[in-house]
Amino acid sequence: MAAINYKRYLQSFSGSVLALVSRAVTGVRPIWSGSSPSHRQRIYFANHTSHGDFILLSSCLSQEERARTCAVAGADYWRSNRIRKVMAEVLLRTVLVERNWVERSEDPMVVMLDAMGKGESLIIFPEGTRNMTDEPLLRFRSGLYNLAIARPDVELIPCWIENMSRVLPKGAFLPVPLLCRVIFGAPIAVAEGEPHKDFLHRARQALLDMNPDAKGERP
């Protein structure tokens, strides 16, 4: 029990420090457009272009909400060496999932639902990996739909993260000071009988509609 409390203290402290650094470097502004800060359990789903995305998003939450919000991240990256493993499992609030379905030993859905069963909110990136292309968003994977079906009581909040790929591009260690925004959209939910492809298209479009540089992709 003491070890658990110590770990939570470290995570709370490091989360506060990272939030302060994130705000200082990026001047991040949360834009609540269609939703507002809440004590409800939520799944925040966002575009993904940088390892700093979840830190930027969580820095926009209140200290209380940040303390119970975990980012879902790839175990293959964060367990690839000791430093990353310590950062993910001790200092950061992360839920690590194995993305290689052939070699994995744990079902990602079980891992995420277990965290939610403990009252945690989640930050997830439905693209499944960082988007390094010129497209505003990659295709969404099915995890968001599966979570929405398994936990219909939890709000799904689309979040557009702006500029973070320029602050901390791939391969960079030190951030570049640039202004960023995180736009929080209106909650969405799976409609009764809605096919998973239709829902994922609608969820993806909800994000695209918040992109200041590309106001959605229309058929």
C-alpha atoms as a PDB file:
ATOM      1  CA  MET A   1       0.000   0.000   0.000  1.00  0.00           C
ATOM      2  CA  ALA A   2       2.848   2.376   0.835  1.00  0.00           C
ATOM      3  CA  ALA A   3       4.440   1.658  -2.557  1.00  0.00           C
ATOM      4  CA  ILE A   4       1.140   2.452  -4.317  1.00  0.00           C
ATOM      5  CA  ASN A   5       0.744   5.720  -2.420  1.00  0.00           C
ATOM      6  CA  TYR A   6       4.363   6.653  -3.199  1.00  0.00           C
ATOM      7  CA  LYS A   7       3.786   5.949  -6.884  1.00  0.00           C
ATOM      8  CA  ARG A   8       0.648   8.092  -6.897  1.00  0.00           C
ATOM      9  CA  TYR A   9       2.508  10.909  -5.185  1.00  0.00           C
ATOM     10  CA  LEU A  10       5.273  10.745  -7.806  1.00  0.00           C
ATOM     11  CA  GLN A  11       2.729  10.725 -10.617  1.00  0.00           C
ATOM     12  CA  SER A  12       0.830  13.656  -9.130  1.00  0.00           C
ATOM     13  CA  PHE A  13       4.027  15.633  -8.626  1.00  0.00           C
ATOM     14  CA  SER A  14       5.470  14.859 -12.064  1.00  0.00           C
ATOM     15  CA  GLY A  15       2.103  15.582 -13.673  1.00  0.00           C
ATOM     16  CA  SER A  16       1.987  19.016 -12.066  1.00  0.00           C
ATOM     17  CA  VAL A  17       5.578  19.761 -13.097  1.00  0.00           C
ATOM     18  CA  LEU A  18       4.969  18.629 -16.686  1.00  0.00           C
ATOM     19  CA  ALA A  19       1.780  20.692 -16.855  1.00  0.00           C
ATOM     20  CA  LEU A  20       3.667  23.805 -15.726  1.00  0.00           C
ATOM     21  CA  VAL A  21       6.468  23.172 -18.228  1.00  0.00           C
ATOM     22  CA  SER A  22       3.960  22.477 -20.987  1.00  0.00           C
ATOM     23  CA  ARG A  23       2.126  25.717 -20.325  1.00  0.00           C
ATOM     24  CA  ALA A  24       5.369  27.681 -20.129  1.00  0.00           C
ATOM     25  CA  VAL A  25       6.730  26.297 -23.420  1.00  0.00           C
ATOM     26  CA  THR A  26       3.506  26.311 -25.444  1.00  0.00           C
ATOM     27  CA  GLY A  27       1.270  28.874 -23.739  1.00  0.00           C
ATOM     28  CA  VAL A  28      -1.403  26.233 -24.341  1.00  0.00           C
ATOM     29  CA  ARG A  29      -4.994  27.432 -24.346  1.00  0.00           C
ATOM     30  CA  PRO A  30      -7.852  24.980 -23.826  1.00  0.00           C
ATOM     31  CA  ILE A  31     -10.824  25.848 -26.048  1.00  0.00           C
ATOM     32  CA  TRP A  32     -14.003  24.279 -24.698  1.00  0.00           C
ATOM     33  CA  SER A  33     -16.247  24.204 -27.775  1.00  0.00           C
ATOM     34  CA  GLY A  34     -19.346  22.083 -27.235  1.00  0.00           C
ATOM     35  CA  SER A  35     -18.206  20.647 -23.910  1.00  0.00           C
ATOM     36  CA  SER A  36     -16.927  21.996 -20.610  1.00  0.00           C
ATOM     37  CA  PRO A  37     -14.703  20.799 -17.752  1.00  0.00           C
ATOM     38  CA  SER A  38     -16.464  18.065 -15.821  1.00  0.00           C
ATOM     39  CA  HIS A  39     -15.992  15.575 -13.003  1.00  0.00           C
ATOM     40  CA  ARG A  40     -17.612  12.852 -15.143  1.00  0.00           C
ATOM     41  CA  GLN A  41     -15.538   9.918 -16.258  1.00  0.00           C
ATOM     42  CA  ARG A  42     -14.478  10.516 -19.861  1.00  0.00           C
ATOM     43  CA  ILE A  43     -12.579   9.203 -22.827  1.00  0.00           C
ATOM     44  CA  TYR A  44     -10.721  12.030 -24.540  1.00  0.00           C
ATOM     45  CA  PHE A  45      -9.818  11.004 -28.099  1.00  0.00           C
ATOM     46  CA  ALA A  46      -7.405  13.117 -30.110  1.00  0.00           C
ATOM     47  CA  ASN A  47      -5.190  13.436 -33.158  1.00  0.00           C
ATOM     48  CA  HIS A  48      -1.644  12.212 -32.634  1.00  0.00           C
ATOM     49  CA  THR A  49       1.537  13.736 -34.108  1.00  0.00           C
ATOM     50  CA  SER A  50       3.930  13.936 -31.146  1.00  0.00           C
ATOM     51  CA  HIS A  51       4.921  12.091 -27.973  1.00  0.00           C
ATOM     52  CA  GLY A  52       4.027  15.302 -26.147  1.00  0.00           C
ATOM     53  CA  ASP A  53       0.365  15.160 -27.178  1.00  0.00           C
ATOM     54  CA  PHE A  54      -0.967  13.529 -24.025  1.00  0.00           C
ATOM     55  CA  ILE A  55       1.078  15.842 -21.792  1.00  0.00           C
ATOM     56  CA  LEU A  56      -0.322  18.892 -23.575  1.00  0.00           C
ATOM     57  CA  LEU A  57      -3.892  17.614 -23.360  1.00  0.00           C
ATOM     58  CA  SER A  58      -3.646  16.638 -19.703  1.00  0.00           C
ATOM     59  CA  SER A  59      -2.159  20.041 -18.845  1.00  0.00           C
ATOM     60  CA  CYS A  60      -5.491  21.547 -19.939  1.00  0.00           C
ATOM     61  CA  LEU A  61      -7.358  19.588 -17.257  1.00  0.00           C
ATOM     62  CA  SER A  62      -7.764  20.613 -13.653  1.00  0.00           C
ATOM     63  CA  GLN A  63      -5.346  19.071 -11.172  1.00  0.00           C
ATOM     64  CA  GLU A  64      -8.113  16.843  -9.825  1.00  0.00           C
ATOM     65  CA  GLU A  65      -9.094  15.588 -13.274  1.00  0.00           C
ATOM     66  CA  ARG A  66      -5.484  15.175 -14.368  1.00  0.00           C
ATOM     67  CA  ALA A  67      -4.860  12.997 -11.305  1.00  0.00           C
ATOM     68  CA  ARG A  68      -7.399  10.435 -12.532  1.00  0.00           C
ATOM     69  CA  THR A  69      -6.791  10.622 -16.274  1.00  0.00           C
ATOM     70  CA  CYS A  70      -4.428   8.141 -17.943  1.00  0.00           C
ATOM     71  CA  ALA A  71      -2.991   8.232 -21.431  1.00  0.00           C
ATOM     72  CA  VAL A  72      -3.136   5.008 -23.424  1.00  0.00           C
ATOM     73  CA  ALA A  73       0.260   4.383 -25.027  1.00  0.00           C
ATOM     74  CA  GLY A  74       2.094   1.661 -26.937  1.00  0.00           C
ATOM     75  CA  ALA A  75       3.974  -0.771 -24.724  1.00  0.00           C
ATOM     76  CA  ASP A  76       6.389  -1.551 -27.586  1.00  0.00           C
ATOM     77  CA  TYR A  77       7.749   2.004 -27.415  1.00  0.00           C
ATOM     78  CA  TRP A  78       7.562   2.765 -23.697  1.00  0.00           C
ATOM     79  CA  ARG A  79       9.007  -0.575 -22.600  1.00  0.00           C
ATOM     80  CA  SER A  80      11.793  -0.551 -25.201  1.00  0.00           C
ATOM     81  CA  ASN A  81      14.391   0.646 -22.668  1.00  0.00           C
ATOM     82  CA  ARG A  82      14.664   1.210 -18.922  1.00  0.00           C
ATOM     83  CA  ILE A  83      14.360   5.009 -18.993  1.00  0.00           C
ATOM     84  CA  ARG A  84      11.146   4.954 -21.017  1.00  0.00           C
ATOM     85  CA  LYS A  85       9.764   2.144 -18.879  1.00  0.00           C
ATOM     86  CA  VAL A  86      10.353   4.095 -15.646  1.00  0.00           C
ATOM     87  CA  MET A  87       8.864   7.235 -17.174  1.00  0.00           C
ATOM     88  CA  ALA A  88       5.725   5.428 -18.317  1.00  0.00           C
ATOM     89  CA  GLU A  89       5.139   3.154 -15.342  1.00  0.00           C
ATOM     90  CA  VAL A  90       6.339   5.367 -12.477  1.00  0.00           C
ATOM     91  CA  LEU A  91       6.366   9.047 -13.439  1.00  0.00           C
ATOM     92  CA  LEU A  92       3.575   9.292 -16.019  1.00  0.00           C
ATOM     93  CA  ARG A  93      -0.024   8.183 -15.792  1.00  0.00           C
ATOM     94  CA  THR A  94      -0.048   5.755 -18.695  1.00  0.00           C
ATOM     95  CA  VAL A  95      -1.955   2.616 -19.566  1.00  0.00           C
ATOM     96  CA  LEU A  96       0.377   0.562 -21.736  1.00  0.00           C
ATOM     97  CA  VAL A  97      -1.152  -1.672 -24.382  1.00  0.00           C
ATOM     98  CA  GLU A  98       0.504  -4.133 -26.726  1.00  0.00           C
ATOM     99  CA  ARG A  99      -0.224  -3.145 -30.321  1.00  0.00           C
ATOM    100  CA  ASN A 100       1.199  -6.236 -32.047  1.00  0.00           C
ATOM    101  CA  TRP A 101      -1.782  -8.589 -32.068  1.00  0.00           C
ATOM    102  CA  VAL A 102       0.400 -11.568 -33.071  1.00  0.00           C
ATOM    103  CA  GLU A 103       2.881 -11.338 -30.199  1.00  0.00           C
ATOM    104  CA  ARG A 104       0.887  -9.650 -27.451  1.00  0.00           C
ATOM    105  CA  SER A 105       0.220 -11.379 -24.140  1.00  0.00           C
ATOM    106  CA  GLU A 106      -2.574  -9.030 -22.982  1.00  0.00           C
ATOM    107  CA  ASP A 107      -5.738  -7.929 -24.749  1.00  0.00           C
ATOM    108  CA  PRO A 108      -5.614  -4.094 -25.019  1.00  0.00           C
ATOM    109  CA  MET A 109      -9.369  -3.877 -24.395  1.00  0.00           C
ATOM    110  CA  VAL A 110      -9.031  -5.779 -21.118  1.00  0.00           C
ATOM    111  CA  VAL A 111      -6.209  -3.472 -20.016  1.00  0.00           C
ATOM    112  CA  MET A 112      -8.145  -0.289 -20.850  1.00  0.00           C
ATOM    113  CA  LEU A 113     -11.428  -1.478 -19.360  1.00  0.00           C
ATOM    114  CA  ASP A 114      -9.603  -2.539 -16.194  1.00  0.00           C
ATOM    115  CA  ALA A 115      -8.273   1.014 -15.800  1.00  0.00           C
ATOM    116  CA  MET A 116     -11.731   2.459 -16.426  1.00  0.00           C
ATOM    117  CA  GLY A 117     -13.199   0.026 -13.936  1.00  0.00           C
ATOM    118  CA  LYS A 118     -10.998   1.713 -11.322  1.00  0.00           C
ATOM    119  CA  GLY A 119     -12.567   5.073 -12.148  1.00  0.00           C
ATOM    120  CA  GLU A 120      -9.880   6.355 -14.503  1.00  0.00           C
ATOM    121  CA  SER A 121     -10.606   8.583 -17.476  1.00  0.00           C
ATOM    122  CA  LEU A 122      -8.568   7.872 -20.606  1.00  0.00           C
ATOM    123  CA  ILE A 123      -6.750   9.819 -23.293  1.00  0.00           C
ATOM    124  CA  ILE A 124      -6.597   7.721 -26.449  1.00  0.00           C
ATOM    125  CA  PHE A 125      -5.370   8.226 -29.998  1.00  0.00           C
ATOM    126  CA  PRO A 126      -7.680   6.298 -32.357  1.00  0.00           C
ATOM    127  CA  GLU A 127      -5.165   6.425 -35.223  1.00  0.00           C
ATOM    128  CA  GLY A 128      -3.111   3.930 -33.218  1.00  0.00           C
ATOM    129  CA  THR A 129       0.223   5.571 -33.983  1.00  0.00           C
ATOM    130  CA  ARG A 130       1.709   8.993 -34.640  1.00  0.00           C
ATOM    131  CA  ASN A 131       0.626  10.531 -37.911  1.00  0.00           C
ATOM    132  CA  MET A 132       3.798  11.388 -39.837  1.00  0.00           C
ATOM    133  CA  THR A 133       2.004  11.919 -43.179  1.00  0.00           C
ATOM    134  CA  ASP A 134       0.585  15.000 -44.865  1.00  0.00           C
ATOM    135  CA  GLU A 135      -2.961  13.794 -44.161  1.00  0.00           C
ATOM    136  CA  PRO A 136      -4.700  15.555 -41.247  1.00  0.00           C
ATOM    137  CA  LEU A 137      -5.773  12.192 -39.768  1.00  0.00           C
ATOM    138  CA  LEU A 138      -5.063   8.542 -40.364  1.00  0.00           C
ATOM    139  CA  ARG A 139      -7.774   5.896 -40.457  1.00  0.00           C
ATOM    140  CA  PHE A 140      -9.315   5.220 -37.034  1.00  0.00           C
ATOM    141  CA  ARG A 141      -8.876   1.787 -35.517  1.00  0.00           C
ATOM    142  CA  SER A 142     -11.754  -0.001 -33.837  1.00  0.00           C
ATOM    143  CA  GLY A 143     -10.689   0.496 -30.189  1.00  0.00           C
ATOM    144  CA  LEU A 144     -12.709   3.699 -29.749  1.00  0.00           C
ATOM    145  CA  TYR A 145     -15.880   1.970 -30.923  1.00  0.00           C
ATOM    146  CA  ASN A 146     -15.265  -1.063 -28.705  1.00  0.00           C
ATOM    147  CA  LEU A 147     -14.748   1.149 -25.645  1.00  0.00           C
ATOM    148  CA  ALA A 148     -17.885   3.141 -26.432  1.00  0.00           C
ATOM    149  CA  ILE A 149     -19.935  -0.051 -26.678  1.00  0.00           C
ATOM    150  CA  ALA A 150     -18.446  -1.543 -23.508  1.00  0.00           C
ATOM    151  CA  ARG A 151     -18.856   1.654 -21.459  1.00  0.00           C
ATOM    152  CA  PRO A 152     -21.806   3.670 -22.850  1.00  0.00           C
ATOM    153  CA  ASP A 153     -21.971   5.584 -19.539  1.00  0.00           C
ATOM    154  CA  VAL A 154     -18.624   7.286 -20.232  1.00  0.00           C
ATOM    155  CA  GLU A 155     -18.519  10.512 -22.257  1.00  0.00           C
ATOM    156  CA  LEU A 156     -16.474  10.526 -25.474  1.00  0.00           C
ATOM    157  CA  ILE A 157     -14.873  13.935 -26.018  1.00  0.00           C
ATOM    158  CA  PRO A 158     -13.108  14.718 -29.317  1.00  0.00           C
ATOM    159  CA  CYS A 159      -9.976  16.865 -28.872  1.00  0.00           C
ATOM    160  CA  TRP A 160      -7.974  18.568 -31.598  1.00  0.00           C
ATOM    161  CA  ILE A 161      -4.347  19.214 -30.635  1.00  0.00           C
ATOM    162  CA  GLU A 162      -2.835  22.065 -32.602  1.00  0.00           C
ATOM    163  CA  ASN A 163       0.882  22.696 -33.257  1.00  0.00           C
ATOM    164  CA  MET A 164       2.404  20.053 -30.971  1.00  0.00           C
ATOM    165  CA  SER A 165       4.184  18.342 -33.871  1.00  0.00           C
ATOM    166  CA  ARG A 166       6.196  21.559 -34.321  1.00  0.00           C
ATOM    167  CA  VAL A 167       6.961  21.905 -30.610  1.00  0.00           C
ATOM    168  CA  LEU A 168       8.271  18.347 -30.235  1.00  0.00           C
ATOM    169  CA  PRO A 169       8.838  16.782 -33.685  1.00  0.00           C
ATOM    170  CA  LYS A 170       9.891  13.175 -34.112  1.00  0.00           C
ATOM    171  CA  GLY A 171      13.436  12.589 -32.897  1.00  0.00           C
ATOM    172  CA  ALA A 172      13.633  15.847 -30.949  1.00  0.00           C
ATOM    173  CA  PHE A 173      14.542  15.828 -27.261  1.00  0.00           C
ATOM    174  CA  LEU A 174      14.101  19.503 -26.376  1.00  0.00           C
ATOM    175  CA  PRO A 175      10.823  21.307 -27.172  1.00  0.00           C
ATOM    176  CA  VAL A 176      10.636  24.403 -29.364  1.00  0.00           C
ATOM    177  CA  PRO A 177       8.585  27.231 -27.782  1.00  0.00           C
ATOM    178  CA  LEU A 178       5.456  27.709 -29.921  1.00  0.00           C
ATOM    179  CA  LEU A 179       1.857  28.554 -29.093  1.00  0.00           C
ATOM    180  CA  CYS A 180      -0.523  25.588 -28.966  1.00  0.00           C
ATOM    181  CA  ARG A 181      -4.216  25.007 -28.461  1.00  0.00           C
ATOM    182  CA  VAL A 182      -6.326  22.027 -27.482  1.00  0.00           C
ATOM    183  CA  ILE A 183      -9.911  22.226 -28.723  1.00  0.00           C
ATOM    184  CA  PHE A 184     -12.449  20.132 -26.788  1.00  0.00           C
ATOM    185  CA  GLY A 185     -15.526  19.338 -28.884  1.00  0.00           C
ATOM    186  CA  ALA A 186     -19.058  18.183 -28.135  1.00  0.00           C
ATOM    187  CA  PRO A 187     -19.513  14.661 -26.718  1.00  0.00           C
ATOM    188  CA  ILE A 188     -20.446  11.919 -29.162  1.00  0.00           C
ATOM    189  CA  ALA A 189     -21.931   8.465 -28.607  1.00  0.00           C
ATOM    190  CA  VAL A 190     -22.721   5.354 -30.611  1.00  0.00           C
ATOM    191  CA  ALA A 191     -26.251   5.563 -31.982  1.00  0.00           C
ATOM    192  CA  GLU A 192     -28.531   2.571 -31.519  1.00  0.00           C
ATOM    193  CA  GLY A 193     -27.697   0.000 -34.174  1.00  0.00           C
ATOM    194  CA  GLU A 194     -24.958   2.160 -35.704  1.00  0.00           C
ATOM    195  CA  PRO A 195     -22.345   0.056 -37.563  1.00  0.00           C
ATOM    196  CA  HIS A 196     -18.818   0.453 -36.251  1.00  0.00           C
ATOM    197  CA  LYS A 197     -17.517   1.846 -39.570  1.00  0.00           C
ATOM    198  CA  ASP A 198     -20.189   4.555 -39.561  1.00  0.00           C
ATOM    199  CA  PHE A 199     -19.404   5.510 -35.981  1.00  0.00           C
ATOM    200  CA  LEU A 200     -15.649   5.650 -36.604  1.00  0.00           C
ATOM    201  CA  HIS A 201     -16.221   7.815 -39.681  1.00  0.00           C
ATOM    202  CA  ARG A 202     -18.408  10.146 -37.635  1.00  0.00           C
ATOM    203  CA  ALA A 203     -15.883  10.294 -34.770  1.00  0.00           C
ATOM    204  CA  ARG A 204     -13.060  11.005 -37.212  1.00  0.00           C
ATOM    205  CA  GLN A 205     -15.120  13.728 -38.862  1.00  0.00           C
ATOM    206  CA  ALA A 206     -15.826  15.288 -35.466  1.00  0.00           C
ATOM    207  CA  LEU A 207     -12.068  15.766 -35.072  1.00  0.00           C
ATOM    208  CA  LEU A 208     -11.538  17.007 -38.611  1.00  0.00           C
ATOM    209  CA  ASP A 209     -14.263  19.597 -38.151  1.00  0.00           C
ATOM    210  CA  MET A 210     -12.202  21.162 -35.353  1.00  0.00           C
ATOM    211  CA  ASN A 211      -9.006  21.387 -37.403  1.00  0.00           C
ATOM    212  CA  PRO A 212      -8.409  25.100 -38.114  1.00  0.00           C
ATOM    213  CA  ASP A 213      -6.305  24.221 -41.174  1.00  0.00           C
ATOM    214  CA  ALA A 214      -8.733  21.753 -42.786  1.00  0.00           C
ATOM    215  CA  LYS A 215     -12.373  22.065 -41.877  1.00  0.00           C
ATOM    216  CA  GLY A 216     -13.224  18.430 -42.303  1.00  0.00           C
ATOM    217  CA  GLU A 217     -13.185  16.069 -45.241  1.00  0.00           C
ATOM    218  CA  ARG A 218     -16.455  15.922 -47.086  1.00  0.00           C
ATOM    219  CA  PRO A 219     -17.478  13.013 -49.311  1.00  0.00           C
END
